[in-house]
Amino acid sequence: MQCREGCGACCIAPAITKPFYGMPQGKPAGTRCVHLNSALGCDLFNDPRRPAVCGAFQAEPAFCGNNRDEALLILADLEAASTPTRLSLEDLQ
């Protein structure tokens, strides 16, 4: 599957926990990457400053669904399901 033009869901839904060019604190889940342009494309595509995690992402129906709205929902659900829960001291007692 090729990336869908005008989508950008993979540049919004997931968190990027490591600092990268333009986002020294990383990128929280659900936040637009600063490199996502107005056409919803990546301004760092083919740039060595692009995070490795972005370069490793492979568009496929299981992640991207049938349209941008589905992609945002699927990726947000995957992000939530893969985010470790933080335990409080009460949880440990």
C-alpha atoms as a PDB file:
ATOM      1  CA  MET A   1       0.000   0.000   0.000  1.00  0.00           C
ATOM      2  CA  GLN A   2       1.251   3.498  -0.804  1.00  0.00           C
ATOM      3  CA  CYS A   3       0.749   6.357   1.628  1.00  0.00           C
ATOM      4  CA  ARG A   4      -2.516   8.170   1.022  1.00  0.00           C
ATOM      5  CA  GLU A   5      -2.010  11.758  -0.122  1.00  0.00           C
ATOM      6  CA  GLY A   6      -3.556  14.313   2.211  1.00  0.00           C
ATOM      7  CA  CYS A   7      -3.627  11.964   5.206  1.00  0.00           C
ATOM      8  CA  GLY A   8      -0.852  12.651   7.701  1.00  0.00           C
ATOM      9  CA  ALA A   9      -2.416  10.420  10.368  1.00  0.00           C
ATOM     10  CA  CYS A  10       0.944   8.807  11.135  1.00  0.00           C
ATOM     11  CA  CYS A  11       2.336  12.312  11.774  1.00  0.00           C
ATOM     12  CA  ILE A  12      -0.386  13.093  14.312  1.00  0.00           C
ATOM     13  CA  ALA A  13      -1.642  10.047  16.225  1.00  0.00           C
ATOM     14  CA  PRO A  14       1.504   8.340  17.533  1.00  0.00           C
ATOM     15  CA  ALA A  15       3.917   9.710  20.101  1.00  0.00           C
ATOM     16  CA  ILE A  16       7.608  10.017  19.314  1.00  0.00           C
ATOM     17  CA  THR A  17       9.391   9.705  22.637  1.00  0.00           C
ATOM     18  CA  LYS A  18      12.880  10.701  21.495  1.00  0.00           C
ATOM     19  CA  PRO A  19      13.916  14.256  20.690  1.00  0.00           C
ATOM     20  CA  PHE A  20      14.313  15.057  17.004  1.00  0.00           C
ATOM     21  CA  TYR A  21      14.964  18.032  14.769  1.00  0.00           C
ATOM     22  CA  GLY A  22      12.366  20.714  15.487  1.00  0.00           C
ATOM     23  CA  MET A  23      10.835  18.846  18.428  1.00  0.00           C
ATOM     24  CA  PRO A  24      13.490  18.628  21.151  1.00  0.00           C
ATOM     25  CA  GLN A  25      11.022  17.144  23.642  1.00  0.00           C
ATOM     26  CA  GLY A  26       9.701  14.565  21.188  1.00  0.00           C
ATOM     27  CA  LYS A  27       6.088  14.564  20.010  1.00  0.00           C
ATOM     28  CA  PRO A  28       3.112  13.719  22.234  1.00  0.00           C
ATOM     29  CA  ALA A  29       0.419  11.426  20.860  1.00  0.00           C
ATOM     30  CA  GLY A  30      -2.335  13.325  19.097  1.00  0.00           C
ATOM     31  CA  THR A  31      -0.099  16.320  18.367  1.00  0.00           C
ATOM     32  CA  ARG A  32       0.783  17.368  14.828  1.00  0.00           C
ATOM     33  CA  CYS A  33       4.443  17.030  14.017  1.00  0.00           C
ATOM     34  CA  VAL A  34       5.959  20.439  13.270  1.00  0.00           C
ATOM     35  CA  HIS A  35       7.162  19.014   9.939  1.00  0.00           C
ATOM     36  CA  LEU A  36       3.660  18.084   8.739  1.00  0.00           C
ATOM     37  CA  ASN A  37       2.980  20.605   6.009  1.00  0.00           C
ATOM     38  CA  SER A  38      -0.305  22.128   4.850  1.00  0.00           C
ATOM     39  CA  ALA A  39      -0.714  19.386   2.219  1.00  0.00           C
ATOM     40  CA  LEU A  40      -0.385  16.834   5.072  1.00  0.00           C
ATOM     41  CA  GLY A  41       2.973  15.627   3.794  1.00  0.00           C
ATOM     42  CA  CYS A  42       6.266  15.389   5.653  1.00  0.00           C
ATOM     43  CA  ASP A  43       8.749  18.185   5.085  1.00  0.00           C
ATOM     44  CA  LEU A  44      11.505  15.863   6.358  1.00  0.00           C
ATOM     45  CA  PHE A  45      10.774  13.033   3.919  1.00  0.00           C
ATOM     46  CA  ASN A  46      14.140  11.818   2.526  1.00  0.00           C
ATOM     47  CA  ASP A  47      15.939  14.107   4.996  1.00  0.00           C
ATOM     48  CA  PRO A  48      18.476  12.486   7.351  1.00  0.00           C
ATOM     49  CA  ARG A  49      16.957  14.483  10.244  1.00  0.00           C
ATOM     50  CA  ARG A  50      13.684  12.553   9.884  1.00  0.00           C
ATOM     51  CA  PRO A  51      13.149  10.289  12.922  1.00  0.00           C
ATOM     52  CA  ALA A  52      13.982   6.637  12.283  1.00  0.00           C
ATOM     53  CA  VAL A  53      10.567   5.599  13.610  1.00  0.00           C
ATOM     54  CA  CYS A  54       8.928   7.640  10.845  1.00  0.00           C
ATOM     55  CA  GLY A  55      11.100   6.082   8.167  1.00  0.00           C
ATOM     56  CA  ALA A  56      10.254   2.601   9.472  1.00  0.00           C
ATOM     57  CA  PHE A  57       6.479   3.127   9.336  1.00  0.00           C
ATOM     58  CA  GLN A  58       4.914   1.138   6.506  1.00  0.00           C
ATOM     59  CA  ALA A  59       1.472   2.116   5.285  1.00  0.00           C
ATOM     60  CA  GLU A  60      -0.880  -0.845   5.225  1.00  0.00           C
ATOM     61  CA  PRO A  61      -4.647  -1.286   5.459  1.00  0.00           C
ATOM     62  CA  ALA A  62      -4.474  -2.596   9.038  1.00  0.00           C
ATOM     63  CA  PHE A  63      -3.023   0.756  10.141  1.00  0.00           C
ATOM     64  CA  CYS A  64      -4.407   3.135   7.537  1.00  0.00           C
ATOM     65  CA  GLY A  65      -7.959   1.882   7.044  1.00  0.00           C
ATOM     66  CA  ASN A  66      -9.958   3.098   4.082  1.00  0.00           C
ATOM     67  CA  ASN A  67      -9.547   6.841   4.628  1.00  0.00           C
ATOM     68  CA  ARG A  68      -7.841   9.488   6.763  1.00  0.00           C
ATOM     69  CA  ASP A  69     -10.498   9.438   9.503  1.00  0.00           C
ATOM     70  CA  GLU A  70     -10.162   5.666   9.892  1.00  0.00           C
ATOM     71  CA  ALA A  71      -6.370   5.962   9.939  1.00  0.00           C
ATOM     72  CA  LEU A  72      -6.505   8.543  12.728  1.00  0.00           C
ATOM     73  CA  LEU A  73      -8.819   6.316  14.787  1.00  0.00           C
ATOM     74  CA  ILE A  74      -6.821   3.127  14.202  1.00  0.00           C
ATOM     75  CA  LEU A  75      -3.478   4.745  14.979  1.00  0.00           C
ATOM     76  CA  ALA A  76      -4.858   6.525  18.053  1.00  0.00           C
ATOM     77  CA  ASP A  77      -6.282   3.217  19.335  1.00  0.00           C
ATOM     78  CA  LEU A  78      -2.955   1.452  18.714  1.00  0.00           C
ATOM     79  CA  GLU A  79      -1.087   4.247  20.477  1.00  0.00           C
ATOM     80  CA  ALA A  80      -3.400   4.030  23.504  1.00  0.00           C
ATOM     81  CA  ALA A  81      -3.164   0.232  23.615  1.00  0.00           C
ATOM     82  CA  SER A  82       0.639   0.284  23.471  1.00  0.00           C
ATOM     83  CA  THR A  83       1.208   3.046  26.004  1.00  0.00           C
ATOM     84  CA  PRO A  84       2.273   1.654  29.376  1.00  0.00           C
ATOM     85  CA  THR A  85       0.002   2.677  32.202  1.00  0.00           C
ATOM     86  CA  ARG A  86       1.581   4.624  35.000  1.00  0.00           C
ATOM     87  CA  LEU A  87       1.131   3.015  38.388  1.00  0.00           C
ATOM     88  CA  SER A  88       0.521   5.085  41.453  1.00  0.00           C
ATOM     89  CA  LEU A  89       1.909   4.221  44.875  1.00  0.00           C
ATOM     90  CA  GLU A  90      -1.602   3.060  45.829  1.00  0.00           C
ATOM     91  CA  ASP A  91      -1.527   0.535  42.958  1.00  0.00           C
ATOM     92  CA  LEU A  92       1.693  -0.953  44.324  1.00  0.00           C
ATOM     93  CA  GLN A  93       0.414  -1.408  47.891  1.00  0.00           C
END
